[in-house]
């Protein structure tokens, strides 16, 4: 084209880390996860503070999970805020790799001791969803610590969306330190 802009955009993550953090959606013809980590952000509904919030929506005609990979979703939002849904918009999703969906609760918006009983819609799918979401693993992080054991986690998939429902409480710092200490002692 005269502008010099390519006519197709593809993203492939094979290893390492790829973060999507921009002020508008990233649009791709295809996104392929062949290992490694893809991180996208989640922002509070109706607000965007460029100093504190990240924004990173992905639109892809095709989304493939071909190898064991992880997607980190930065979840922002407080007790009194609405949660914005749909972080990844995909035409179709396919593949046979195992994906770990990492829900990273933002410490600026989720308080220690806060009870969470919320479903976060991560994918909106407009065409075909042939990925087996029963393979997916869910991990919950807070302030850099794995707090998965504090939550019951369910991956819910309909033809048009994929959500993760969390139920539990964000632990106090002492509880996190005790869990890390117990893990180190057991090791």
C-alpha atoms as a PDB file:
ATOM      1  CA  UNK A   1       0.000   0.000   0.000  1.00  0.00           C
ATOM      2  CA  UNK A   2       1.065   3.593  -0.475  1.00  0.00           C
ATOM      3  CA  UNK A   3       1.378   4.138   3.265  1.00  0.00           C
ATOM      4  CA  UNK A   4       3.931   1.312   3.538  1.00  0.00           C
ATOM      5  CA  UNK A   5       1.786  -0.455   6.125  1.00  0.00           C
ATOM      6  CA  UNK A   6       1.748  -4.269   5.800  1.00  0.00           C
ATOM      7  CA  UNK A   7      -1.561  -5.840   4.833  1.00  0.00           C
ATOM      8  CA  UNK A   8      -1.325  -8.611   7.451  1.00  0.00           C
ATOM      9  CA  UNK A   9      -0.151  -8.706  11.046  1.00  0.00           C
ATOM     10  CA  UNK A  10       0.731 -11.959  12.792  1.00  0.00           C
ATOM     11  CA  UNK A  11       2.001 -12.572  16.311  1.00  0.00           C
ATOM     12  CA  UNK A  12       3.763 -15.783  17.299  1.00  0.00           C
ATOM     13  CA  UNK A  13       5.087 -16.408  20.807  1.00  0.00           C
ATOM     14  CA  UNK A  14       7.541 -19.324  20.871  1.00  0.00           C
ATOM     15  CA  UNK A  15       9.400 -18.788  24.114  1.00  0.00           C
ATOM     16  CA  UNK A  16      10.156 -16.018  26.555  1.00  0.00           C
ATOM     17  CA  UNK A  17       7.732 -13.184  27.222  1.00  0.00           C
ATOM     18  CA  UNK A  18       5.591 -10.900  25.052  1.00  0.00           C
ATOM     19  CA  UNK A  19       3.602  -8.118  26.719  1.00  0.00           C
ATOM     20  CA  UNK A  20       0.769  -6.191  25.065  1.00  0.00           C
ATOM     21  CA  UNK A  21       0.282  -2.831  26.728  1.00  0.00           C
ATOM     22  CA  UNK A  22      -1.000  -0.003  24.570  1.00  0.00           C
ATOM     23  CA  UNK A  23      -3.611   2.706  24.545  1.00  0.00           C
ATOM     24  CA  UNK A  24      -5.711   0.985  21.920  1.00  0.00           C
ATOM     25  CA  UNK A  25      -6.383  -2.542  20.745  1.00  0.00           C
ATOM     26  CA  UNK A  26      -3.759  -4.554  18.898  1.00  0.00           C
ATOM     27  CA  UNK A  27      -5.229  -6.116  15.769  1.00  0.00           C
ATOM     28  CA  UNK A  28      -3.740  -9.279  14.272  1.00  0.00           C
ATOM     29  CA  UNK A  29      -4.679 -11.677  11.511  1.00  0.00           C
ATOM     30  CA  UNK A  30      -3.412 -14.490  13.728  1.00  0.00           C
ATOM     31  CA  UNK A  31      -1.937 -15.032  17.174  1.00  0.00           C
ATOM     32  CA  UNK A  32      -0.069 -18.310  17.750  1.00  0.00           C
ATOM     33  CA  UNK A  33       1.118 -19.514  21.138  1.00  0.00           C
ATOM     34  CA  UNK A  34       3.899 -22.051  20.598  1.00  0.00           C
ATOM     35  CA  UNK A  35       5.311 -21.803  24.129  1.00  0.00           C
ATOM     36  CA  UNK A  36       6.305 -18.845  26.278  1.00  0.00           C
ATOM     37  CA  UNK A  37       4.146 -16.166  27.893  1.00  0.00           C
ATOM     38  CA  UNK A  38       1.754 -13.587  26.480  1.00  0.00           C
ATOM     39  CA  UNK A  39       0.619 -10.854  28.884  1.00  0.00           C
ATOM     40  CA  UNK A  40      -2.395  -8.640  28.307  1.00  0.00           C
ATOM     41  CA  UNK A  41      -3.983  -6.081  30.592  1.00  0.00           C
ATOM     42  CA  UNK A  42      -7.469  -5.563  31.926  1.00  0.00           C
ATOM     43  CA  UNK A  43      -8.688  -2.079  32.836  1.00  0.00           C
ATOM     44  CA  UNK A  44     -11.432  -0.768  35.072  1.00  0.00           C
ATOM     45  CA  UNK A  45     -14.628  -0.002  33.223  1.00  0.00           C
ATOM     46  CA  UNK A  46     -14.926   3.640  32.244  1.00  0.00           C
ATOM     47  CA  UNK A  47     -11.524   4.678  33.578  1.00  0.00           C
ATOM     48  CA  UNK A  48      -8.021   4.792  32.258  1.00  0.00           C
ATOM     49  CA  UNK A  49      -5.214   6.409  34.181  1.00  0.00           C
ATOM     50  CA  UNK A  50      -2.138   6.141  31.926  1.00  0.00           C
ATOM     51  CA  UNK A  51       0.145   6.512  34.946  1.00  0.00           C
ATOM     52  CA  UNK A  52      -1.344   3.572  36.887  1.00  0.00           C
ATOM     53  CA  UNK A  53      -3.398   1.426  34.526  1.00  0.00           C
ATOM     54  CA  UNK A  54      -2.265  -0.646  31.610  1.00  0.00           C
ATOM     55  CA  UNK A  55      -4.456  -1.325  28.641  1.00  0.00           C
ATOM     56  CA  UNK A  56      -3.910  -4.130  26.185  1.00  0.00           C
ATOM     57  CA  UNK A  57      -6.773  -5.600  24.206  1.00  0.00           C
ATOM     58  CA  UNK A  58      -6.064  -8.094  21.441  1.00  0.00           C
ATOM     59  CA  UNK A  59      -8.218  -8.660  18.357  1.00  0.00           C
ATOM     60  CA  UNK A  60      -7.260 -11.672  16.229  1.00  0.00           C
ATOM     61  CA  UNK A  61      -9.024 -13.399  13.355  1.00  0.00           C
ATOM     62  CA  UNK A  62      -7.394 -16.680  14.454  1.00  0.00           C
ATOM     63  CA  UNK A  63      -5.981 -17.586  17.881  1.00  0.00           C
ATOM     64  CA  UNK A  64      -4.019 -20.858  18.130  1.00  0.00           C
ATOM     65  CA  UNK A  65      -2.673 -22.584  21.238  1.00  0.00           C
ATOM     66  CA  UNK A  66      -0.207 -25.099  19.821  1.00  0.00           C
ATOM     67  CA  UNK A  67       2.181 -25.746  22.727  1.00  0.00           C
ATOM     68  CA  UNK A  68       2.183 -25.414  26.494  1.00  0.00           C
ATOM     69  CA  UNK A  69       2.000 -21.647  27.052  1.00  0.00           C
ATOM     70  CA  UNK A  70       0.645 -19.116  29.489  1.00  0.00           C
ATOM     71  CA  UNK A  71      -1.397 -15.964  29.159  1.00  0.00           C
ATOM     72  CA  UNK A  72      -1.192 -13.434  31.986  1.00  0.00           C
ATOM     73  CA  UNK A  73      -4.258 -11.238  32.440  1.00  0.00           C
ATOM     74  CA  UNK A  74      -3.633  -8.140  34.612  1.00  0.00           C
ATOM     75  CA  UNK A  75      -6.949  -7.695  36.398  1.00  0.00           C
ATOM     76  CA  UNK A  76      -7.719  -4.229  37.760  1.00  0.00           C
ATOM     77  CA  UNK A  77     -10.874  -3.215  39.578  1.00  0.00           C
ATOM     78  CA  UNK A  78     -12.024  -2.607  43.117  1.00  0.00           C
ATOM     79  CA  UNK A  79     -14.958  -3.625  45.206  1.00  0.00           C
ATOM     80  CA  UNK A  80     -17.069  -0.726  43.981  1.00  0.00           C
ATOM     81  CA  UNK A  81     -16.044  -0.701  40.332  1.00  0.00           C
ATOM     82  CA  UNK A  82     -17.547  -2.514  37.381  1.00  0.00           C
ATOM     83  CA  UNK A  83     -15.305  -5.050  35.726  1.00  0.00           C
ATOM     84  CA  UNK A  84     -14.684  -4.574  32.049  1.00  0.00           C
ATOM     85  CA  UNK A  85     -15.048  -7.785  30.091  1.00  0.00           C
ATOM     86  CA  UNK A  86     -13.414  -9.235  26.997  1.00  0.00           C
ATOM     87  CA  UNK A  87      -9.663  -8.889  26.790  1.00  0.00           C
ATOM     88  CA  UNK A  88      -9.041 -11.077  23.757  1.00  0.00           C
ATOM     89  CA  UNK A  89     -11.456 -10.919  20.844  1.00  0.00           C
ATOM     90  CA  UNK A  90     -10.934 -13.865  18.501  1.00  0.00           C
ATOM     91  CA  UNK A  91     -12.603 -15.001  15.324  1.00  0.00           C
ATOM     92  CA  UNK A  92     -11.800 -18.606  16.142  1.00  0.00           C
ATOM     93  CA  UNK A  93      -9.697 -20.406  18.744  1.00  0.00           C
ATOM     94  CA  UNK A  94      -8.038 -23.764  18.154  1.00  0.00           C
ATOM     95  CA  UNK A  95      -5.037 -25.915  19.087  1.00  0.00           C
ATOM     96  CA  UNK A  96      -4.044 -28.744  21.389  1.00  0.00           C
ATOM     97  CA  UNK A  97      -1.447 -27.141  23.689  1.00  0.00           C
ATOM     98  CA  UNK A  98      -2.114 -26.671  27.391  1.00  0.00           C
ATOM     99  CA  UNK A  99      -2.628 -23.046  28.320  1.00  0.00           C
ATOM    100  CA  UNK A 100      -2.209 -21.654  31.829  1.00  0.00           C
ATOM    101  CA  UNK A 101      -4.494 -18.662  32.395  1.00  0.00           C
ATOM    102  CA  UNK A 102      -2.737 -16.498  34.987  1.00  0.00           C
ATOM    103  CA  UNK A 103      -5.112 -14.087  36.750  1.00  0.00           C
ATOM    104  CA  UNK A 104      -2.924 -11.357  38.232  1.00  0.00           C
ATOM    105  CA  UNK A 105      -4.968  -9.330  40.718  1.00  0.00           C
ATOM    106  CA  UNK A 106      -3.713  -5.731  40.780  1.00  0.00           C
ATOM    107  CA  UNK A 107      -2.760  -4.718  44.335  1.00  0.00           C
ATOM    108  CA  UNK A 108      -3.835  -1.106  43.609  1.00  0.00           C
ATOM    109  CA  UNK A 109      -7.442  -2.286  43.275  1.00  0.00           C
ATOM    110  CA  UNK A 110      -7.776  -5.513  45.252  1.00  0.00           C
ATOM    111  CA  UNK A 111      -7.209  -5.201  49.013  1.00  0.00           C
ATOM    112  CA  UNK A 112      -5.630  -7.793  51.281  1.00  0.00           C
ATOM    113  CA  UNK A 113      -8.398  -9.807  52.900  1.00  0.00           C
ATOM    114  CA  UNK A 114     -10.903  -8.820  50.187  1.00  0.00           C
ATOM    115  CA  UNK A 115     -13.436 -11.511  49.321  1.00  0.00           C
ATOM    116  CA  UNK A 116     -13.792 -12.121  45.594  1.00  0.00           C
ATOM    117  CA  UNK A 117     -16.681 -13.974  44.025  1.00  0.00           C
ATOM    118  CA  UNK A 118     -16.446 -12.818  40.435  1.00  0.00           C
ATOM    119  CA  UNK A 119     -16.361 -14.162  36.917  1.00  0.00           C
ATOM    120  CA  UNK A 120     -13.899 -12.513  34.523  1.00  0.00           C
ATOM    121  CA  UNK A 121     -14.697 -12.886  30.819  1.00  0.00           C
ATOM    122  CA  UNK A 122     -11.311 -13.218  29.140  1.00  0.00           C
ATOM    123  CA  UNK A 123     -12.155 -14.205  25.551  1.00  0.00           C
ATOM    124  CA  UNK A 124     -14.950 -13.195  23.224  1.00  0.00           C
ATOM    125  CA  UNK A 125     -15.188 -15.569  20.258  1.00  0.00           C
ATOM    126  CA  UNK A 126     -17.136 -14.729  17.119  1.00  0.00           C
ATOM    127  CA  UNK A 127     -16.609 -17.819  14.954  1.00  0.00           C
ATOM    128  CA  UNK A 128     -15.417 -21.279  16.033  1.00  0.00           C
ATOM    129  CA  UNK A 129     -14.148 -22.411  19.428  1.00  0.00           C
ATOM    130  CA  UNK A 130     -12.594 -25.833  18.956  1.00  0.00           C
ATOM    131  CA  UNK A 131     -10.031 -25.523  21.779  1.00  0.00           C
ATOM    132  CA  UNK A 132     -10.655 -27.944  24.681  1.00  0.00           C
ATOM    133  CA  UNK A 133     -10.872 -25.574  27.658  1.00  0.00           C
ATOM    134  CA  UNK A 134     -10.915 -28.555  30.043  1.00  0.00           C
ATOM    135  CA  UNK A 135      -7.132 -28.644  29.418  1.00  0.00           C
ATOM    136  CA  UNK A 136      -6.657 -25.091  30.710  1.00  0.00           C
ATOM    137  CA  UNK A 137      -4.962 -24.453  34.068  1.00  0.00           C
ATOM    138  CA  UNK A 138      -5.808 -21.391  36.206  1.00  0.00           C
ATOM    139  CA  UNK A 139      -3.223 -19.696  38.426  1.00  0.00           C
ATOM    140  CA  UNK A 140      -3.959 -16.648  40.639  1.00  0.00           C
ATOM    141  CA  UNK A 141      -1.208 -14.136  41.468  1.00  0.00           C
ATOM    142  CA  UNK A 142      -1.196 -11.138  43.828  1.00  0.00           C
ATOM    143  CA  UNK A 143       1.762  -8.783  44.384  1.00  0.00           C
ATOM    144  CA  UNK A 144       4.043 -11.291  42.666  1.00  0.00           C
ATOM    145  CA  UNK A 145       2.973 -14.225  44.871  1.00  0.00           C
ATOM    146  CA  UNK A 146       1.089 -17.322  43.751  1.00  0.00           C
ATOM    147  CA  UNK A 147      -2.131 -17.363  45.809  1.00  0.00           C
ATOM    148  CA  UNK A 148      -3.953 -20.020  43.779  1.00  0.00           C
ATOM    149  CA  UNK A 149      -4.653 -22.108  46.873  1.00  0.00           C
ATOM    150  CA  UNK A 150      -6.854 -19.349  48.307  1.00  0.00           C
ATOM    151  CA  UNK A 151      -9.405 -19.590  45.486  1.00  0.00           C
ATOM    152  CA  UNK A 152     -11.721 -22.061  43.892  1.00  0.00           C
ATOM    153  CA  UNK A 153     -11.303 -21.589  40.138  1.00  0.00           C
ATOM    154  CA  UNK A 154     -13.531 -22.624  37.258  1.00  0.00           C
ATOM    155  CA  UNK A 155     -12.960 -22.127  33.531  1.00  0.00           C
ATOM    156  CA  UNK A 156     -16.349 -21.583  31.907  1.00  0.00           C
ATOM    157  CA  UNK A 157     -16.650 -21.889  28.140  1.00  0.00           C
ATOM    158  CA  UNK A 158     -19.621 -21.208  25.929  1.00  0.00           C
ATOM    159  CA  UNK A 159     -19.452 -20.997  22.162  1.00  0.00           C
ATOM    160  CA  UNK A 160     -19.046 -17.224  22.330  1.00  0.00           C
ATOM    161  CA  UNK A 161     -16.893 -16.610  25.401  1.00  0.00           C
ATOM    162  CA  UNK A 162     -14.417 -17.995  27.908  1.00  0.00           C
ATOM    163  CA  UNK A 163     -14.501 -16.850  31.532  1.00  0.00           C
ATOM    164  CA  UNK A 164     -12.713 -17.700  34.757  1.00  0.00           C
ATOM    165  CA  UNK A 165     -14.774 -17.658  37.936  1.00  0.00           C
ATOM    166  CA  UNK A 166     -12.864 -17.026  41.167  1.00  0.00           C
ATOM    167  CA  UNK A 167     -14.205 -17.480  44.664  1.00  0.00           C
ATOM    168  CA  UNK A 168     -12.076 -16.838  47.744  1.00  0.00           C
ATOM    169  CA  UNK A 169     -10.142 -14.147  49.587  1.00  0.00           C
ATOM    170  CA  UNK A 170      -6.937 -12.270  48.884  1.00  0.00           C
ATOM    171  CA  UNK A 171      -4.596 -13.325  51.717  1.00  0.00           C
ATOM    172  CA  UNK A 172      -2.988 -10.973  54.202  1.00  0.00           C
ATOM    173  CA  UNK A 173       0.799 -10.446  53.764  1.00  0.00           C
ATOM    174  CA  UNK A 174       1.525 -12.661  56.798  1.00  0.00           C
ATOM    175  CA  UNK A 175      -0.405 -15.534  55.237  1.00  0.00           C
ATOM    176  CA  UNK A 176       1.525 -15.151  51.978  1.00  0.00           C
ATOM    177  CA  UNK A 177       4.844 -15.129  53.847  1.00  0.00           C
ATOM    178  CA  UNK A 178       3.807 -18.201  55.859  1.00  0.00           C
ATOM    179  CA  UNK A 179       2.856 -20.080  52.682  1.00  0.00           C
ATOM    180  CA  UNK A 180       6.199 -19.213  51.059  1.00  0.00           C
ATOM    181  CA  UNK A 181       8.023 -20.256  54.233  1.00  0.00           C
ATOM    182  CA  UNK A 182       6.150 -23.570  54.404  1.00  0.00           C
ATOM    183  CA  UNK A 183       6.959 -24.255  50.750  1.00  0.00           C
ATOM    184  CA  UNK A 184      10.636 -23.504  51.310  1.00  0.00           C
ATOM    185  CA  UNK A 185      10.694 -25.697  54.435  1.00  0.00           C
ATOM    186  CA  UNK A 186       9.011 -28.567  52.577  1.00  0.00           C
ATOM    187  CA  UNK A 187      11.560 -28.232  49.782  1.00  0.00           C
END
